[in-house]
Amino acid sequence: MKLNSKYFEKIRIRPDNKAEADAHAPRCQWDDCDQPGLHRAPVGRHKEGEYFRFCFEHVRQYNKSYNYFSGLKDSEIARFQKEAMTGHRPTWKVGSVGNGQAAPDFAPFRSGHAAYYRRLGDPFNLFGDAQAEARKPVEKRLKPLEAKALETLGLDAKATGADIKARYKTLVKRHHPDANGGDRGSEARLRDVLQAYRLLKQAGFC
């Protein structure tokens, strides 16, 4: 092929994309660095969505020392991690709505066989005592620590929240240092009562 051929006019050289990108990239924000800032690094807490621009070497140095929880107490970090499990959205106990009231009962509006038999009833007792058994309250299954806490207060699994609070107040008055005359055994009993009540309260019994 001749050097003055018309086909040489159609030859194109592939552009250097990296060099072009480096030329248009912002400068690295590290002090006294003039390299292209091609890598983003988070600014920190309370500035989510904002980033520094660093070169490769400086973004590595920055990431080694970066700590999102810098300056927070351990309790605040634990709280953040707990709230992160629900995406930092408010939560409520099962069976309640946002204002703490009990959730409405939608049982009368069920569809399918459950609603059909509920409306129809069982005039000839074809289903035996199945409906009566279904209406009985289900007794809560206790965990070992919960059962032990109720036993410490002298109560059983059928105790209500009011029963637990009343029993707790009675035992605290009975074993309080002002009322037990310096009895060491009574002080130990008071500690057991306080721990038992705290566990039951955290478990939602009262």
N, C-alpha and C. Protein backbone atom coordinates (compact mmCIF):
# COMPACT_ATOMS: atom_id res chain seq x y z
N MET A 1 0.85 -1.20 0.00
CA MET A 1 0.00 0.00 0.00
C MET A 1 0.88 1.24 0.00
N LYS A 2 0.51 2.19 -0.81
CA LYS A 2 1.27 3.42 -0.89
C LYS A 2 0.99 4.32 0.31
N LEU A 3 2.01 5.05 0.72
CA LEU A 3 1.86 5.93 1.88
C LEU A 3 0.91 7.08 1.60
N ASN A 4 0.76 7.43 0.35
CA ASN A 4 -0.16 8.52 0.02
C ASN A 4 -1.54 8.00 -0.40
N SER A 5 -1.86 6.75 0.04
CA SER A 5 -3.15 6.15 -0.31
C SER A 5 -4.29 6.88 0.40
N LYS A 6 -5.43 6.88 -0.25
CA LYS A 6 -6.61 7.54 0.32
C LYS A 6 -7.11 6.85 1.60
N TYR A 7 -6.71 5.56 1.78
CA TYR A 7 -7.20 4.82 2.95
C TYR A 7 -6.57 5.32 4.26
N PHE A 8 -5.41 5.96 4.18
CA PHE A 8 -4.79 6.49 5.39
C PHE A 8 -5.61 7.60 6.01
N GLU A 9 -6.44 8.23 5.24
CA GLU A 9 -7.25 9.32 5.75
C GLU A 9 -8.34 8.82 6.70
N LYS A 10 -8.69 7.51 6.61
CA LYS A 10 -9.77 6.96 7.45
C LYS A 10 -9.25 6.34 8.75
N ILE A 11 -7.94 6.32 8.91
CA ILE A 11 -7.38 5.73 10.12
C ILE A 11 -7.59 6.68 11.30
N ARG A 12 -8.10 6.13 12.40
CA ARG A 12 -8.32 6.92 13.61
C ARG A 12 -7.52 6.31 14.77
N ILE A 13 -6.96 7.12 15.58
CA ILE A 13 -6.22 6.65 16.75
C ILE A 13 -7.15 6.65 17.95
N ARG A 14 -7.19 5.51 18.66
CA ARG A 14 -8.06 5.41 19.84
C ARG A 14 -7.61 6.41 20.90
N PRO A 15 -8.51 7.22 21.42
CA PRO A 15 -8.10 8.21 22.44
C PRO A 15 -7.74 7.55 23.76
N ASP A 16 -6.87 8.18 24.49
CA ASP A 16 -6.47 7.70 25.81
C ASP A 16 -7.51 8.17 26.83
N ASN A 17 -8.48 7.29 27.12
CA ASN A 17 -9.58 7.67 28.02
C ASN A 17 -9.09 8.00 29.42
N LYS A 18 -8.11 7.25 29.91
CA LYS A 18 -7.63 7.49 31.27
C LYS A 18 -6.98 8.86 31.38
N ALA A 19 -6.17 9.20 30.41
CA ALA A 19 -5.53 10.51 30.44
C ALA A 19 -6.56 11.62 30.35
N GLU A 20 -7.59 11.40 29.54
CA GLU A 20 -8.64 12.41 29.41
C GLU A 20 -9.43 12.56 30.71
N ALA A 21 -9.70 11.41 31.35
CA ALA A 21 -10.43 11.45 32.63
C ALA A 21 -9.60 12.13 33.70
N ASP A 22 -8.29 11.84 33.73
CA ASP A 22 -7.42 12.48 34.71
C ASP A 22 -7.37 13.98 34.51
N ALA A 23 -7.41 14.40 33.25
CA ALA A 23 -7.32 15.83 32.97
C ALA A 23 -8.55 16.59 33.45
N HIS A 24 -9.72 15.94 33.42
CA HIS A 24 -10.96 16.60 33.83
C HIS A 24 -11.34 16.31 35.29
N ALA A 25 -10.61 15.44 35.96
CA ALA A 25 -10.94 15.09 37.34
C ALA A 25 -10.51 16.21 38.28
N PRO A 26 -11.22 16.38 39.42
CA PRO A 26 -10.79 17.37 40.42
C PRO A 26 -9.48 16.96 41.06
N ARG A 27 -8.78 17.92 41.60
CA ARG A 27 -7.51 17.64 42.23
C ARG A 27 -7.72 16.92 43.56
N CYS A 28 -6.75 16.11 43.95
CA CYS A 28 -6.79 15.42 45.25
C CYS A 28 -6.83 16.47 46.37
N GLN A 29 -7.70 16.26 47.36
CA GLN A 29 -7.88 17.22 48.44
C GLN A 29 -6.88 17.03 49.58
N TRP A 30 -5.98 16.09 49.43
CA TRP A 30 -4.92 15.92 50.43
C TRP A 30 -3.95 17.10 50.31
N ASP A 31 -3.45 17.56 51.44
CA ASP A 31 -2.55 18.72 51.43
C ASP A 31 -1.33 18.46 50.55
N ASP A 32 -1.01 19.44 49.72
CA ASP A 32 0.19 19.44 48.87
C ASP A 32 0.21 18.26 47.89
N CYS A 33 -0.95 17.83 47.44
CA CYS A 33 -1.01 16.75 46.44
C CYS A 33 -1.67 17.30 45.18
N ASP A 34 -1.03 17.07 44.04
CA ASP A 34 -1.56 17.58 42.78
C ASP A 34 -2.04 16.47 41.86
N GLN A 35 -2.24 15.25 42.42
CA GLN A 35 -2.72 14.13 41.62
C GLN A 35 -4.24 14.24 41.41
N PRO A 36 -4.78 13.58 40.38
CA PRO A 36 -6.24 13.60 40.18
C PRO A 36 -6.97 12.91 41.33
N GLY A 37 -8.04 13.53 41.80
CA GLY A 37 -8.85 12.94 42.88
C GLY A 37 -9.95 12.06 42.32
N LEU A 38 -9.59 10.86 41.94
CA LEU A 38 -10.54 9.96 41.29
C LEU A 38 -11.32 9.09 42.27
N HIS A 39 -10.96 9.11 43.53
CA HIS A 39 -11.57 8.19 44.50
C HIS A 39 -12.30 8.98 45.59
N ARG A 40 -13.52 8.53 45.90
CA ARG A 40 -14.32 9.21 46.92
C ARG A 40 -14.09 8.59 48.29
N ALA A 41 -14.16 9.41 49.33
CA ALA A 41 -14.04 8.95 50.71
C ALA A 41 -15.08 9.70 51.54
N PRO A 42 -15.85 9.01 52.40
CA PRO A 42 -16.91 9.67 53.16
C PRO A 42 -16.36 10.72 54.13
N VAL A 43 -17.09 11.83 54.25
CA VAL A 43 -16.65 12.91 55.14
C VAL A 43 -16.78 12.49 56.59
N GLY A 44 -17.91 11.86 56.97
CA GLY A 44 -18.07 11.41 58.35
C GLY A 44 -19.51 11.47 58.81
N ARG A 45 -19.70 11.24 60.10
CA ARG A 45 -21.03 11.21 60.71
C ARG A 45 -21.70 12.58 60.62
N HIS A 46 -23.01 12.56 60.42
CA HIS A 46 -23.85 13.75 60.26
C HIS A 46 -23.61 14.46 58.92
N LYS A 47 -22.74 13.88 58.07
CA LYS A 47 -22.52 14.45 56.74
C LYS A 47 -22.61 13.33 55.71
N GLU A 48 -23.62 12.45 55.92
CA GLU A 48 -23.81 11.35 54.98
C GLU A 48 -24.12 11.90 53.59
N GLY A 49 -23.54 11.29 52.59
CA GLY A 49 -23.74 11.74 51.22
C GLY A 49 -22.71 12.74 50.75
N GLU A 50 -21.82 13.18 51.65
CA GLU A 50 -20.74 14.09 51.26
C GLU A 50 -19.42 13.33 51.25
N TYR A 51 -18.56 13.65 50.30
CA TYR A 51 -17.33 12.89 50.10
C TYR A 51 -16.15 13.82 49.84
N PHE A 52 -14.95 13.36 50.29
CA PHE A 52 -13.70 13.96 49.86
C PHE A 52 -13.30 13.29 48.55
N ARG A 53 -12.43 13.96 47.80
CA ARG A 53 -11.88 13.38 46.58
C ARG A 53 -10.38 13.25 46.76
N PHE A 54 -9.88 12.01 46.72
CA PHE A 54 -8.47 11.74 46.92
C PHE A 54 -7.92 10.92 45.77
N CYS A 55 -6.59 10.95 45.65
CA CYS A 55 -5.93 10.04 44.73
C CYS A 55 -5.86 8.66 45.39
N PHE A 56 -5.36 7.68 44.65
CA PHE A 56 -5.38 6.31 45.14
C PHE A 56 -4.58 6.14 46.43
N GLU A 57 -3.38 6.68 46.49
CA GLU A 57 -2.53 6.52 47.67
C GLU A 57 -3.14 7.18 48.90
N HIS A 58 -3.68 8.38 48.72
CA HIS A 58 -4.21 9.12 49.87
C HIS A 58 -5.56 8.58 50.34
N VAL A 59 -6.36 8.02 49.43
CA VAL A 59 -7.62 7.44 49.87
C VAL A 59 -7.36 6.19 50.70
N ARG A 60 -6.28 5.47 50.39
CA ARG A 60 -5.91 4.31 51.21
C ARG A 60 -5.49 4.75 52.61
N GLN A 61 -4.71 5.81 52.71
CA GLN A 61 -4.31 6.31 54.02
C GLN A 61 -5.51 6.80 54.82
N TYR A 62 -6.41 7.49 54.15
CA TYR A 62 -7.59 8.02 54.82
C TYR A 62 -8.47 6.88 55.35
N ASN A 63 -8.67 5.84 54.55
CA ASN A 63 -9.55 4.74 54.95
C ASN A 63 -8.97 3.94 56.11
N LYS A 64 -7.64 3.89 56.23
CA LYS A 64 -7.03 3.15 57.34
C LYS A 64 -7.37 3.77 58.69
N SER A 65 -7.48 5.08 58.74
CA SER A 65 -7.71 5.77 60.01
C SER A 65 -9.16 6.25 60.16
N TYR A 66 -10.03 5.95 59.19
CA TYR A 66 -11.41 6.44 59.24
C TYR A 66 -12.22 5.66 60.27
N ASN A 67 -12.98 6.37 61.11
CA ASN A 67 -13.83 5.74 62.12
C ASN A 67 -15.14 6.51 62.19
N TYR A 68 -16.19 5.89 61.73
CA TYR A 68 -17.51 6.56 61.70
C TYR A 68 -17.99 6.93 63.10
N PHE A 69 -17.63 6.12 64.11
CA PHE A 69 -18.12 6.32 65.48
C PHE A 69 -17.14 7.11 66.33
N SER A 70 -16.21 7.80 65.73
CA SER A 70 -15.22 8.56 66.49
C SER A 70 -15.91 9.60 67.37
N GLY A 71 -15.56 9.61 68.67
CA GLY A 71 -16.12 10.57 69.62
C GLY A 71 -17.39 10.12 70.31
N LEU A 72 -17.94 8.96 69.94
CA LEU A 72 -19.17 8.47 70.58
C LEU A 72 -18.83 7.56 71.75
N LYS A 73 -19.72 7.54 72.75
CA LYS A 73 -19.57 6.63 73.88
C LYS A 73 -20.00 5.22 73.45
N ASP A 74 -19.56 4.23 74.24
CA ASP A 74 -19.91 2.84 73.92
C ASP A 74 -21.42 2.63 73.93
N SER A 75 -22.12 3.29 74.88
CA SER A 75 -23.57 3.14 74.96
C SER A 75 -24.26 3.71 73.71
N GLU A 76 -23.74 4.83 73.20
CA GLU A 76 -24.33 5.43 72.00
C GLU A 76 -24.06 4.56 70.77
N ILE A 77 -22.88 3.94 70.72
CA ILE A 77 -22.57 3.05 69.60
C ILE A 77 -23.49 1.84 69.63
N ALA A 78 -23.70 1.27 70.85
CA ALA A 78 -24.59 0.11 70.97
C ALA A 78 -26.02 0.48 70.57
N ARG A 79 -26.45 1.67 70.95
CA ARG A 79 -27.80 2.10 70.57
C ARG A 79 -27.92 2.26 69.05
N PHE A 80 -26.90 2.83 68.43
CA PHE A 80 -26.91 3.00 66.97
C PHE A 80 -26.99 1.65 66.28
N GLN A 81 -26.20 0.68 66.76
CA GLN A 81 -26.20 -0.65 66.14
C GLN A 81 -27.55 -1.34 66.32
N LYS A 82 -28.18 -1.15 67.47
CA LYS A 82 -29.49 -1.76 67.70
C LYS A 82 -30.55 -1.15 66.78
N GLU A 83 -30.52 0.19 66.64
CA GLU A 83 -31.49 0.85 65.76
C GLU A 83 -31.21 0.56 64.29
N ALA A 84 -29.96 0.25 63.95
CA ALA A 84 -29.63 -0.06 62.56
C ALA A 84 -30.28 -1.36 62.11
N MET A 85 -30.62 -2.24 63.05
CA MET A 85 -31.26 -3.51 62.69
C MET A 85 -32.65 -3.29 62.08
N THR A 86 -33.28 -2.16 62.42
CA THR A 86 -34.60 -1.85 61.86
C THR A 86 -34.52 -0.66 60.91
N GLY A 87 -33.32 -0.36 60.44
CA GLY A 87 -33.17 0.76 59.51
C GLY A 87 -33.44 2.10 60.16
N HIS A 88 -33.24 2.20 61.49
CA HIS A 88 -33.46 3.43 62.26
C HIS A 88 -34.91 3.92 62.14
N ARG A 89 -35.82 2.96 61.97
CA ARG A 89 -37.24 3.30 61.95
C ARG A 89 -37.86 2.92 63.28
N PRO A 90 -38.91 3.64 63.74
CA PRO A 90 -39.54 3.31 65.03
C PRO A 90 -40.23 1.95 64.97
N THR A 91 -40.20 1.23 66.08
CA THR A 91 -40.84 -0.08 66.16
C THR A 91 -41.74 -0.13 67.39
N TRP A 92 -42.68 -1.05 67.38
CA TRP A 92 -43.60 -1.25 68.51
C TRP A 92 -43.71 -2.73 68.81
N LYS A 93 -44.21 -3.03 69.98
CA LYS A 93 -44.42 -4.43 70.36
C LYS A 93 -45.50 -5.04 69.47
N VAL A 94 -45.42 -6.35 69.30
CA VAL A 94 -46.41 -7.06 68.50
C VAL A 94 -47.77 -6.91 69.17
N GLY A 95 -48.79 -6.59 68.38
CA GLY A 95 -50.13 -6.45 68.94
C GLY A 95 -50.46 -5.03 69.34
N SER A 96 -49.61 -4.08 69.02
CA SER A 96 -49.90 -2.68 69.36
C SER A 96 -49.60 -1.82 68.15
N VAL A 97 -50.15 -0.60 68.17
CA VAL A 97 -49.90 0.35 67.10
C VAL A 97 -49.00 1.45 67.61
N GLY A 98 -48.73 2.45 66.78
CA GLY A 98 -47.73 3.45 67.12
C GLY A 98 -47.99 4.21 68.40
N ASN A 99 -49.25 4.44 68.77
CA ASN A 99 -49.53 5.21 69.98
C ASN A 99 -49.61 4.33 71.22
N GLY A 100 -49.23 3.06 71.11
CA GLY A 100 -49.22 2.17 72.26
C GLY A 100 -50.52 1.46 72.52
N GLN A 101 -51.59 1.77 71.76
CA GLN A 101 -52.86 1.11 71.96
C GLN A 101 -52.85 -0.26 71.33
N ALA A 102 -53.76 -1.13 71.80
CA ALA A 102 -53.84 -2.48 71.26
C ALA A 102 -54.32 -2.42 69.82
N ALA A 103 -53.77 -3.32 69.01
CA ALA A 103 -54.17 -3.37 67.60
C ALA A 103 -55.61 -3.87 67.49
N PRO A 104 -56.36 -3.38 66.52
CA PRO A 104 -57.76 -3.82 66.37
C PRO A 104 -57.85 -5.29 66.01
N ASP A 105 -58.96 -5.92 66.42
CA ASP A 105 -59.19 -7.33 66.14
C ASP A 105 -59.89 -7.45 64.79
N PHE A 106 -59.21 -8.05 63.83
CA PHE A 106 -59.75 -8.22 62.49
C PHE A 106 -60.36 -9.60 62.29
N ALA A 107 -60.48 -10.38 63.37
CA ALA A 107 -61.02 -11.73 63.24
C ALA A 107 -62.41 -11.77 62.61
N PRO A 108 -63.33 -10.84 62.96
CA PRO A 108 -64.66 -10.92 62.34
C PRO A 108 -64.65 -10.69 60.84
N PHE A 109 -63.56 -10.12 60.31
CA PHE A 109 -63.51 -9.80 58.89
C PHE A 109 -62.70 -10.80 58.09
N ARG A 110 -62.39 -11.94 58.69
CA ARG A 110 -61.61 -12.94 57.98
C ARG A 110 -62.37 -13.46 56.77
N SER A 111 -61.59 -13.96 55.83
CA SER A 111 -62.21 -14.58 54.66
C SER A 111 -61.89 -16.07 54.66
N GLY A 112 -62.58 -16.81 53.83
CA GLY A 112 -62.29 -18.23 53.71
C GLY A 112 -63.03 -19.05 54.74
N HIS A 113 -62.53 -20.27 54.99
CA HIS A 113 -63.23 -21.22 55.86
C HIS A 113 -63.31 -20.73 57.30
N ALA A 114 -62.27 -20.02 57.77
CA ALA A 114 -62.28 -19.58 59.16
C ALA A 114 -63.48 -18.67 59.42
N ALA A 115 -63.71 -17.71 58.51
CA ALA A 115 -64.84 -16.79 58.69
C ALA A 115 -66.17 -17.52 58.49
N TYR A 116 -66.19 -18.48 57.56
CA TYR A 116 -67.44 -19.18 57.25
C TYR A 116 -67.94 -19.93 58.48
N TYR A 117 -67.07 -20.71 59.12
CA TYR A 117 -67.49 -21.48 60.28
C TYR A 117 -67.77 -20.60 61.48
N ARG A 118 -67.10 -19.45 61.53
CA ARG A 118 -67.37 -18.53 62.65
C ARG A 118 -68.78 -17.97 62.52
N ARG A 119 -69.19 -17.60 61.30
CA ARG A 119 -70.54 -17.07 61.10
C ARG A 119 -71.59 -18.16 61.21
N LEU A 120 -71.26 -19.35 60.68
CA LEU A 120 -72.23 -20.43 60.64
C LEU A 120 -72.51 -21.00 62.02
N GLY A 121 -71.47 -21.08 62.83
CA GLY A 121 -71.64 -21.72 64.12
C GLY A 121 -71.63 -23.24 63.98
N ASP A 122 -71.96 -23.96 65.06
CA ASP A 122 -71.98 -25.42 65.03
C ASP A 122 -73.17 -25.91 65.84
N PRO A 123 -74.41 -25.71 65.31
CA PRO A 123 -75.61 -26.06 66.09
C PRO A 123 -75.73 -27.54 66.41
N PHE A 124 -75.15 -28.41 65.60
CA PHE A 124 -75.26 -29.85 65.84
C PHE A 124 -73.99 -30.44 66.44
N ASN A 125 -73.07 -29.57 66.86
CA ASN A 125 -71.83 -30.00 67.52
C ASN A 125 -71.04 -30.98 66.65
N LEU A 126 -71.01 -30.68 65.34
CA LEU A 126 -70.29 -31.56 64.42
C LEU A 126 -68.78 -31.51 64.64
N PHE A 127 -68.33 -30.38 65.11
CA PHE A 127 -66.88 -30.21 65.29
C PHE A 127 -66.47 -30.38 66.75
N GLY A 128 -67.35 -30.90 67.58
CA GLY A 128 -67.02 -31.14 68.98
C GLY A 128 -66.71 -29.85 69.71
N ASP A 129 -65.70 -29.88 70.53
CA ASP A 129 -65.33 -28.71 71.33
C ASP A 129 -64.17 -27.94 70.70
N ALA A 130 -63.99 -28.10 69.38
CA ALA A 130 -62.85 -27.44 68.73
C ALA A 130 -62.95 -25.93 68.81
N GLN A 131 -64.20 -25.41 68.62
CA GLN A 131 -64.36 -23.96 68.68
C GLN A 131 -64.14 -23.44 70.08
N ALA A 132 -64.63 -24.19 71.07
CA ALA A 132 -64.44 -23.76 72.46
C ALA A 132 -62.96 -23.77 72.82
N GLU A 133 -62.24 -24.79 72.35
CA GLU A 133 -60.81 -24.85 72.63
C GLU A 133 -60.07 -23.69 71.97
N ALA A 134 -60.52 -23.32 70.77
CA ALA A 134 -59.87 -22.23 70.06
C ALA A 134 -60.06 -20.90 70.76
N ARG A 135 -61.19 -20.76 71.49
CA ARG A 135 -61.46 -19.49 72.18
C ARG A 135 -60.74 -19.39 73.52
N LYS A 136 -60.16 -20.48 74.00
CA LYS A 136 -59.46 -20.43 75.28
C LYS A 136 -58.18 -19.61 75.14
N PRO A 137 -57.84 -18.81 76.14
CA PRO A 137 -56.59 -18.05 76.05
C PRO A 137 -55.38 -18.98 76.05
N VAL A 138 -54.42 -18.69 75.23
CA VAL A 138 -53.21 -19.50 75.16
C VAL A 138 -52.25 -19.07 76.27
N GLU A 139 -51.83 -20.01 77.09
CA GLU A 139 -50.93 -19.70 78.20
C GLU A 139 -49.52 -19.46 77.66
N LYS A 140 -48.91 -18.40 78.10
CA LYS A 140 -47.60 -18.03 77.60
C LYS A 140 -46.55 -19.02 78.06
N ARG A 141 -45.73 -19.48 77.12
CA ARG A 141 -44.66 -20.41 77.45
C ARG A 141 -43.48 -19.61 78.00
N LEU A 142 -43.04 -19.95 79.19
CA LEU A 142 -42.00 -19.18 79.86
C LEU A 142 -40.62 -19.72 79.52
N LYS A 143 -39.68 -18.80 79.44
CA LYS A 143 -38.29 -19.19 79.34
C LYS A 143 -37.78 -19.51 80.75
N PRO A 144 -36.69 -20.26 80.85
CA PRO A 144 -36.20 -20.64 82.19
C PRO A 144 -35.94 -19.45 83.12
N LEU A 145 -35.32 -18.39 82.60
CA LEU A 145 -35.04 -17.22 83.45
C LEU A 145 -36.32 -16.51 83.88
N GLU A 146 -37.33 -16.48 82.99
CA GLU A 146 -38.61 -15.85 83.33
C GLU A 146 -39.33 -16.66 84.40
N ALA A 147 -39.30 -17.99 84.26
CA ALA A 147 -39.93 -18.84 85.28
C ALA A 147 -39.23 -18.68 86.62
N LYS A 148 -37.90 -18.59 86.60
CA LYS A 148 -37.14 -18.40 87.84
C LYS A 148 -37.47 -17.06 88.47
N ALA A 149 -37.63 -16.01 87.65
CA ALA A 149 -37.95 -14.68 88.18
C ALA A 149 -39.33 -14.69 88.83
N LEU A 150 -40.31 -15.33 88.21
CA LEU A 150 -41.64 -15.42 88.82
C LEU A 150 -41.60 -16.21 90.11
N GLU A 151 -40.80 -17.27 90.13
CA GLU A 151 -40.66 -18.07 91.36
C GLU A 151 -40.03 -17.24 92.48
N THR A 152 -39.07 -16.38 92.12
CA THR A 152 -38.45 -15.50 93.12
C THR A 152 -39.48 -14.57 93.74
N LEU A 153 -40.43 -14.11 92.95
CA LEU A 153 -41.50 -13.24 93.47
C LEU A 153 -42.64 -14.03 94.09
N GLY A 154 -42.57 -15.35 94.03
CA GLY A 154 -43.62 -16.17 94.61
C GLY A 154 -44.86 -16.23 93.75
N LEU A 155 -44.72 -16.15 92.43
CA LEU A 155 -45.84 -16.16 91.51
C LEU A 155 -45.67 -17.28 90.50
N ASP A 156 -46.75 -17.58 89.75
CA ASP A 156 -46.69 -18.61 88.73
C ASP A 156 -46.92 -17.99 87.36
N ALA A 157 -47.03 -18.84 86.34
CA ALA A 157 -47.15 -18.37 84.96
C ALA A 157 -48.45 -17.63 84.69
N LYS A 158 -49.47 -17.80 85.53
CA LYS A 158 -50.75 -17.15 85.31
C LYS A 158 -50.80 -15.73 85.87
N ALA A 159 -49.73 -15.29 86.49
CA ALA A 159 -49.72 -13.97 87.11
C ALA A 159 -49.81 -12.88 86.03
N THR A 160 -50.62 -11.87 86.31
CA THR A 160 -50.77 -10.74 85.39
C THR A 160 -49.74 -9.66 85.71
N GLY A 161 -49.68 -8.65 84.85
CA GLY A 161 -48.76 -7.55 85.10
C GLY A 161 -49.08 -6.84 86.41
N ALA A 162 -50.37 -6.70 86.72
CA ALA A 162 -50.76 -6.06 87.99
C ALA A 162 -50.33 -6.90 89.18
N ASP A 163 -50.44 -8.24 89.05
CA ASP A 163 -50.00 -9.12 90.14
C ASP A 163 -48.50 -8.97 90.39
N ILE A 164 -47.74 -8.90 89.30
CA ILE A 164 -46.28 -8.80 89.44
C ILE A 164 -45.89 -7.48 90.11
N LYS A 165 -46.52 -6.38 89.69
CA LYS A 165 -46.20 -5.07 90.28
C LYS A 165 -46.57 -5.02 91.75
N ALA A 166 -47.75 -5.56 92.08
CA ALA A 166 -48.20 -5.55 93.48
C ALA A 166 -47.27 -6.38 94.35
N ARG A 167 -46.90 -7.56 93.86
CA ARG A 167 -46.01 -8.43 94.63
C ARG A 167 -44.63 -7.80 94.79
N TYR A 168 -44.16 -7.14 93.75
CA TYR A 168 -42.86 -6.48 93.80
C TYR A 168 -42.85 -5.38 94.86
N LYS A 169 -43.89 -4.55 94.89
CA LYS A 169 -43.95 -3.46 95.88
C LYS A 169 -43.99 -4.02 97.30
N THR A 170 -44.73 -5.11 97.49
CA THR A 170 -44.83 -5.71 98.82
C THR A 170 -43.47 -6.22 99.29
N LEU A 171 -42.75 -6.93 98.41
CA LEU A 171 -41.46 -7.50 98.79
C LEU A 171 -40.40 -6.43 99.02
N VAL A 172 -40.44 -5.35 98.23
CA VAL A 172 -39.47 -4.27 98.42
C VAL A 172 -39.68 -3.60 99.76
N LYS A 173 -40.93 -3.36 100.13
CA LYS A 173 -41.19 -2.76 101.44
C LYS A 173 -40.75 -3.68 102.57
N ARG A 174 -40.95 -4.97 102.37
CA ARG A 174 -40.63 -5.93 103.43
C ARG A 174 -39.12 -6.07 103.63
N HIS A 175 -38.36 -6.06 102.56
CA HIS A 175 -36.92 -6.32 102.65
C HIS A 175 -36.07 -5.07 102.51
N HIS A 176 -36.66 -3.90 102.53
CA HIS A 176 -35.90 -2.65 102.43
C HIS A 176 -35.01 -2.50 103.66
N PRO A 177 -33.79 -1.94 103.49
CA PRO A 177 -32.87 -1.78 104.63
C PRO A 177 -33.49 -1.02 105.81
N ASP A 178 -34.41 -0.08 105.55
CA ASP A 178 -35.03 0.67 106.64
C ASP A 178 -36.00 -0.18 107.44
N ALA A 179 -36.40 -1.32 106.87
CA ALA A 179 -37.41 -2.14 107.55
C ALA A 179 -36.88 -3.47 108.06
N ASN A 180 -35.67 -3.88 107.60
CA ASN A 180 -35.20 -5.21 107.98
C ASN A 180 -34.22 -5.20 109.15
N GLY A 181 -33.91 -4.04 109.71
CA GLY A 181 -33.05 -3.98 110.88
C GLY A 181 -31.62 -4.43 110.63
N GLY A 182 -31.11 -4.21 109.42
CA GLY A 182 -29.73 -4.58 109.12
C GLY A 182 -29.52 -6.06 108.86
N ASP A 183 -30.56 -6.79 108.52
CA ASP A 183 -30.44 -8.22 108.25
C ASP A 183 -29.79 -8.43 106.88
N ARG A 184 -28.60 -9.10 106.85
CA ARG A 184 -27.88 -9.33 105.60
C ARG A 184 -28.67 -10.24 104.66
N GLY A 185 -29.34 -11.22 105.23
CA GLY A 185 -30.13 -12.13 104.40
C GLY A 185 -31.26 -11.41 103.71
N SER A 186 -31.84 -10.44 104.39
CA SER A 186 -32.93 -9.68 103.80
C SER A 186 -32.41 -8.79 102.66
N GLU A 187 -31.19 -8.28 102.79
CA GLU A 187 -30.61 -7.47 101.73
C GLU A 187 -30.36 -8.30 100.47
N ALA A 188 -29.88 -9.53 100.68
CA ALA A 188 -29.67 -10.42 99.53
C ALA A 188 -31.00 -10.76 98.86
N ARG A 189 -32.02 -10.96 99.67
CA ARG A 189 -33.35 -11.25 99.13
C ARG A 189 -33.86 -10.06 98.31
N LEU A 190 -33.59 -8.83 98.78
CA LEU A 190 -34.02 -7.63 98.07
C LEU A 190 -33.34 -7.54 96.71
N ARG A 191 -32.05 -7.88 96.64
CA ARG A 191 -31.34 -7.86 95.36
C ARG A 191 -31.97 -8.86 94.38
N ASP A 192 -32.31 -10.04 94.88
CA ASP A 192 -32.94 -11.05 94.01
C ASP A 192 -34.28 -10.55 93.48
N VAL A 193 -35.03 -9.88 94.34
CA VAL A 193 -36.35 -9.37 93.93
C VAL A 193 -36.19 -8.28 92.86
N LEU A 194 -35.22 -7.39 93.07
CA LEU A 194 -35.00 -6.31 92.10
C LEU A 194 -34.59 -6.88 90.74
N GLN A 195 -33.70 -7.87 90.74
CA GLN A 195 -33.25 -8.46 89.48
C GLN A 195 -34.39 -9.20 88.79
N ALA A 196 -35.20 -9.91 89.57
CA ALA A 196 -36.32 -10.65 88.99
C ALA A 196 -37.33 -9.70 88.35
N TYR A 197 -37.64 -8.60 89.04
CA TYR A 197 -38.62 -7.65 88.50
C TYR A 197 -38.07 -6.97 87.24
N ARG A 198 -36.77 -6.64 87.24
CA ARG A 198 -36.17 -5.99 86.07
C ARG A 198 -36.23 -6.93 84.86
N LEU A 199 -35.96 -8.21 85.07
CA LEU A 199 -36.00 -9.17 83.97
C LEU A 199 -37.42 -9.30 83.41
N LEU A 200 -38.42 -9.39 84.30
CA LEU A 200 -39.80 -9.54 83.85
C LEU A 200 -40.28 -8.29 83.13
N LYS A 201 -39.83 -7.13 83.59
CA LYS A 201 -40.24 -5.88 82.94
C LYS A 201 -39.64 -5.80 81.54
N GLN A 202 -38.37 -6.18 81.39
CA GLN A 202 -37.74 -6.16 80.06
C GLN A 202 -38.40 -7.17 79.12
N ALA A 203 -38.91 -8.27 79.67
CA ALA A 203 -39.55 -9.28 78.85
C ALA A 203 -40.99 -8.92 78.51
N GLY A 204 -41.52 -7.82 79.05
CA GLY A 204 -42.84 -7.37 78.70
C GLY A 204 -43.96 -7.94 79.55
N PHE A 205 -43.64 -8.47 80.72
CA PHE A 205 -44.67 -9.02 81.59
C PHE A 205 -45.42 -7.92 82.35
N CYS A 206 -44.79 -6.79 82.52
CA CYS A 206 -45.44 -5.72 83.28
C CYS A 206 -44.98 -4.36 82.75
